[in-house]
Amino acid sequence: MAWSISRDARLAELRQLHHARSATLANSVPGTFAHDGLTKECDAIYAEIKRLEASRGISPKAVLLALAVLALLVYSLAH
C-alpha cells in the first residue's frame, strides 16, 4: 500500500464522486430529505475539491523520508 494517496488521484476520485452525486441530485425531488442531504454532500465534496486544488503542500511522510535519505547520505560521507 502506498504511503499516501497522491493529490491528483484524490482530486480525480472526488470529481468522479461529485459528478455521480450531482447526477443523483438532479433526479431527486427538491425539498425532500434525500435532496437536502445530497445537496449538503455535494457542497462538502466541492469544498474539499477546492481545498485540494488550492493546496501546494508536501506530505509529512515525504518530508520524513527525505530527511532519512539525507541523514544516510551524510552518515555515509562522514565514514
N, C-alpha and C. Protein backbone atom coordinates (compact mmCIF):
# COMPACT_ATOMS: atom_id res chain seq x y z
N MET A 1 0.84 -1.18 0.00
CA MET A 1 0.00 0.00 0.00
C MET A 1 0.88 1.24 0.00
N ALA A 2 0.49 2.21 -0.75
CA ALA A 2 1.26 3.45 -0.84
C ALA A 2 1.23 4.19 0.49
N TRP A 3 2.25 4.97 0.72
CA TRP A 3 2.31 5.73 1.97
C TRP A 3 1.22 6.77 2.03
N SER A 4 0.94 7.36 0.93
CA SER A 4 -0.13 8.36 0.89
C SER A 4 -0.74 8.39 -0.50
N ILE A 5 -1.96 8.85 -0.57
CA ILE A 5 -2.64 8.96 -1.86
C ILE A 5 -2.22 10.28 -2.47
N SER A 6 -1.85 10.24 -3.73
CA SER A 6 -1.42 11.48 -4.36
C SER A 6 -2.57 12.47 -4.46
N ARG A 7 -2.22 13.72 -4.47
CA ARG A 7 -3.20 14.80 -4.54
C ARG A 7 -4.04 14.68 -5.80
N ASP A 8 -3.40 14.40 -6.92
CA ASP A 8 -4.12 14.30 -8.19
C ASP A 8 -5.08 13.12 -8.20
N ALA A 9 -4.67 12.00 -7.62
CA ALA A 9 -5.55 10.84 -7.57
C ALA A 9 -6.76 11.13 -6.68
N ARG A 10 -6.53 11.80 -5.57
CA ARG A 10 -7.63 12.16 -4.67
C ARG A 10 -8.59 13.15 -5.35
N LEU A 11 -8.03 14.11 -6.09
CA LEU A 11 -8.88 15.06 -6.82
C LEU A 11 -9.73 14.34 -7.87
N ALA A 12 -9.13 13.41 -8.59
CA ALA A 12 -9.88 12.66 -9.60
C ALA A 12 -11.00 11.85 -8.95
N GLU A 13 -10.70 11.24 -7.81
CA GLU A 13 -11.70 10.46 -7.09
C GLU A 13 -12.86 11.35 -6.62
N LEU A 14 -12.52 12.50 -6.07
CA LEU A 14 -13.55 13.42 -5.59
C LEU A 14 -14.39 13.99 -6.73
N ARG A 15 -13.76 14.29 -7.85
CA ARG A 15 -14.51 14.81 -9.00
C ARG A 15 -15.49 13.77 -9.54
N GLN A 16 -15.06 12.53 -9.57
CA GLN A 16 -15.93 11.46 -10.02
C GLN A 16 -17.10 11.27 -9.06
N LEU A 17 -16.82 11.32 -7.77
CA LEU A 17 -17.87 11.21 -6.76
C LEU A 17 -18.84 12.38 -6.85
N HIS A 18 -18.31 13.58 -7.03
CA HIS A 18 -19.16 14.77 -7.15
C HIS A 18 -20.06 14.67 -8.38
N HIS A 19 -19.52 14.18 -9.47
CA HIS A 19 -20.31 14.01 -10.69
C HIS A 19 -21.46 13.01 -10.46
N ALA A 20 -21.14 11.91 -9.82
CA ALA A 20 -22.17 10.89 -9.55
C ALA A 20 -23.25 11.42 -8.62
N ARG A 21 -22.83 12.11 -7.56
CA ARG A 21 -23.82 12.66 -6.61
C ARG A 21 -24.65 13.76 -7.26
N SER A 22 -24.04 14.57 -8.11
CA SER A 22 -24.78 15.64 -8.79
C SER A 22 -25.83 15.07 -9.73
N ALA A 23 -25.48 13.97 -10.41
CA ALA A 23 -26.45 13.32 -11.30
C ALA A 23 -27.63 12.77 -10.49
N THR A 24 -27.34 12.19 -9.35
CA THR A 24 -28.41 11.69 -8.48
C THR A 24 -29.25 12.84 -7.95
N LEU A 25 -28.59 13.93 -7.59
CA LEU A 25 -29.29 15.11 -7.08
C LEU A 25 -30.23 15.69 -8.13
N ALA A 26 -29.81 15.68 -9.38
CA ALA A 26 -30.64 16.23 -10.45
C ALA A 26 -31.95 15.44 -10.61
N ASN A 27 -31.93 14.17 -10.24
CA ASN A 27 -33.11 13.33 -10.39
C ASN A 27 -33.96 13.24 -9.11
N SER A 28 -33.58 13.98 -8.08
CA SER A 28 -34.35 13.92 -6.84
C SER A 28 -35.33 15.09 -6.77
N VAL A 29 -36.30 14.93 -5.89
CA VAL A 29 -37.36 15.94 -5.73
C VAL A 29 -36.90 17.00 -4.74
N PRO A 30 -36.87 18.28 -5.15
CA PRO A 30 -36.45 19.34 -4.24
C PRO A 30 -37.35 19.39 -3.00
N GLY A 31 -36.73 19.70 -1.87
CA GLY A 31 -37.47 19.82 -0.62
C GLY A 31 -37.55 18.54 0.18
N THR A 32 -37.16 17.42 -0.41
CA THR A 32 -37.20 16.16 0.33
C THR A 32 -35.92 16.01 1.17
N PHE A 33 -35.98 15.09 2.11
CA PHE A 33 -34.83 14.83 2.97
C PHE A 33 -33.63 14.36 2.13
N ALA A 34 -33.89 13.50 1.15
CA ALA A 34 -32.81 12.99 0.30
C ALA A 34 -32.17 14.12 -0.51
N HIS A 35 -32.98 15.00 -1.03
CA HIS A 35 -32.47 16.12 -1.83
C HIS A 35 -31.59 17.03 -0.97
N ASP A 36 -32.06 17.33 0.23
CA ASP A 36 -31.29 18.19 1.12
C ASP A 36 -29.97 17.54 1.53
N GLY A 37 -30.01 16.24 1.80
CA GLY A 37 -28.79 15.52 2.17
C GLY A 37 -27.79 15.47 1.03
N LEU A 38 -28.28 15.22 -0.18
CA LEU A 38 -27.39 15.19 -1.34
C LEU A 38 -26.80 16.56 -1.63
N THR A 39 -27.60 17.59 -1.42
CA THR A 39 -27.09 18.96 -1.62
C THR A 39 -25.95 19.25 -0.67
N LYS A 40 -26.12 18.88 0.60
CA LYS A 40 -25.06 19.10 1.59
C LYS A 40 -23.82 18.27 1.26
N GLU A 41 -24.03 17.04 0.81
CA GLU A 41 -22.90 16.18 0.45
C GLU A 41 -22.14 16.74 -0.75
N CYS A 42 -22.87 17.20 -1.75
CA CYS A 42 -22.23 17.79 -2.93
C CYS A 42 -21.45 19.05 -2.56
N ASP A 43 -22.01 19.86 -1.67
CA ASP A 43 -21.32 21.07 -1.22
C ASP A 43 -20.03 20.72 -0.48
N ALA A 44 -20.08 19.69 0.36
CA ALA A 44 -18.90 19.26 1.11
C ALA A 44 -17.82 18.71 0.17
N ILE A 45 -18.23 17.93 -0.81
CA ILE A 45 -17.28 17.37 -1.78
C ILE A 45 -16.64 18.49 -2.58
N TYR A 46 -17.47 19.46 -3.01
CA TYR A 46 -16.95 20.60 -3.78
C TYR A 46 -15.96 21.41 -2.96
N ALA A 47 -16.26 21.62 -1.68
CA ALA A 47 -15.35 22.36 -0.81
C ALA A 47 -14.02 21.62 -0.66
N GLU A 48 -14.07 20.30 -0.55
CA GLU A 48 -12.84 19.50 -0.44
C GLU A 48 -12.03 19.58 -1.74
N ILE A 49 -12.72 19.56 -2.88
CA ILE A 49 -12.03 19.70 -4.16
C ILE A 49 -11.32 21.04 -4.22
N LYS A 50 -12.00 22.11 -3.86
CA LYS A 50 -11.39 23.45 -3.88
C LYS A 50 -10.21 23.54 -2.91
N ARG A 51 -10.33 22.90 -1.74
CA ARG A 51 -9.23 22.91 -0.78
C ARG A 51 -8.01 22.20 -1.33
N LEU A 52 -8.24 21.05 -1.97
CA LEU A 52 -7.11 20.31 -2.55
C LEU A 52 -6.50 21.05 -3.73
N GLU A 53 -7.32 21.71 -4.53
CA GLU A 53 -6.80 22.47 -5.67
C GLU A 53 -5.93 23.63 -5.21
N ALA A 54 -6.26 24.21 -4.07
CA ALA A 54 -5.51 25.35 -3.55
C ALA A 54 -4.25 24.92 -2.81
N SER A 55 -4.19 23.67 -2.39
CA SER A 55 -3.04 23.22 -1.59
C SER A 55 -1.84 22.93 -2.49
N ARG A 56 -0.72 23.30 -2.00
CA ARG A 56 0.53 23.04 -2.71
C ARG A 56 1.56 22.42 -1.76
N GLY A 57 1.08 21.93 -0.63
CA GLY A 57 1.97 21.40 0.40
C GLY A 57 2.55 20.05 0.04
N ILE A 58 3.49 19.64 0.85
CA ILE A 58 4.12 18.35 0.67
C ILE A 58 3.71 17.45 1.84
N SER A 59 3.63 16.19 1.59
CA SER A 59 3.21 15.22 2.60
C SER A 59 4.24 15.15 3.73
N PRO A 60 3.79 15.10 4.98
CA PRO A 60 4.73 14.95 6.10
C PRO A 60 5.57 13.68 6.00
N LYS A 61 4.99 12.63 5.47
CA LYS A 61 5.75 11.38 5.29
C LYS A 61 6.86 11.56 4.25
N ALA A 62 6.60 12.35 3.22
CA ALA A 62 7.62 12.62 2.22
C ALA A 62 8.77 13.42 2.82
N VAL A 63 8.46 14.34 3.71
CA VAL A 63 9.50 15.12 4.38
C VAL A 63 10.35 14.21 5.25
N LEU A 64 9.72 13.33 6.00
CA LEU A 64 10.48 12.39 6.84
C LEU A 64 11.35 11.46 6.01
N LEU A 65 10.83 11.00 4.90
CA LEU A 65 11.62 10.13 4.03
C LEU A 65 12.82 10.89 3.46
N ALA A 66 12.61 12.12 3.04
CA ALA A 66 13.71 12.93 2.50
C ALA A 66 14.76 13.18 3.58
N LEU A 67 14.33 13.45 4.80
CA LEU A 67 15.29 13.65 5.89
C LEU A 67 16.07 12.38 6.20
N ALA A 68 15.42 11.24 6.14
CA ALA A 68 16.10 9.97 6.38
C ALA A 68 17.15 9.70 5.31
N VAL A 69 16.80 9.95 4.07
CA VAL A 69 17.76 9.76 2.97
C VAL A 69 18.93 10.72 3.12
N LEU A 70 18.63 11.95 3.47
CA LEU A 70 19.69 12.94 3.67
C LEU A 70 20.60 12.54 4.82
N ALA A 71 20.03 12.03 5.91
CA ALA A 71 20.83 11.58 7.05
C ALA A 71 21.73 10.41 6.65
N LEU A 72 21.20 9.49 5.85
CA LEU A 72 22.03 8.36 5.39
C LEU A 72 23.16 8.83 4.49
N LEU A 73 22.91 9.79 3.65
CA LEU A 73 23.96 10.33 2.78
C LEU A 73 25.04 11.01 3.60
N VAL A 74 24.64 11.80 4.58
CA VAL A 74 25.62 12.49 5.44
C VAL A 74 26.42 11.45 6.22
N TYR A 75 25.75 10.45 6.74
CA TYR A 75 26.42 9.41 7.50
C TYR A 75 27.43 8.64 6.64
N SER A 76 27.03 8.31 5.40
CA SER A 76 27.93 7.55 4.52
C SER A 76 29.11 8.41 4.07
N LEU A 77 28.91 9.69 3.91
CA LEU A 77 30.02 10.57 3.53
C LEU A 77 30.98 10.83 4.69
N ALA A 78 30.47 10.78 5.90
CA ALA A 78 31.29 11.03 7.08
C ALA A 78 32.19 9.84 7.40
N HIS A 79 31.83 8.65 6.98
CA HIS A 79 32.63 7.46 7.29
C HIS A 79 33.28 6.91 6.10
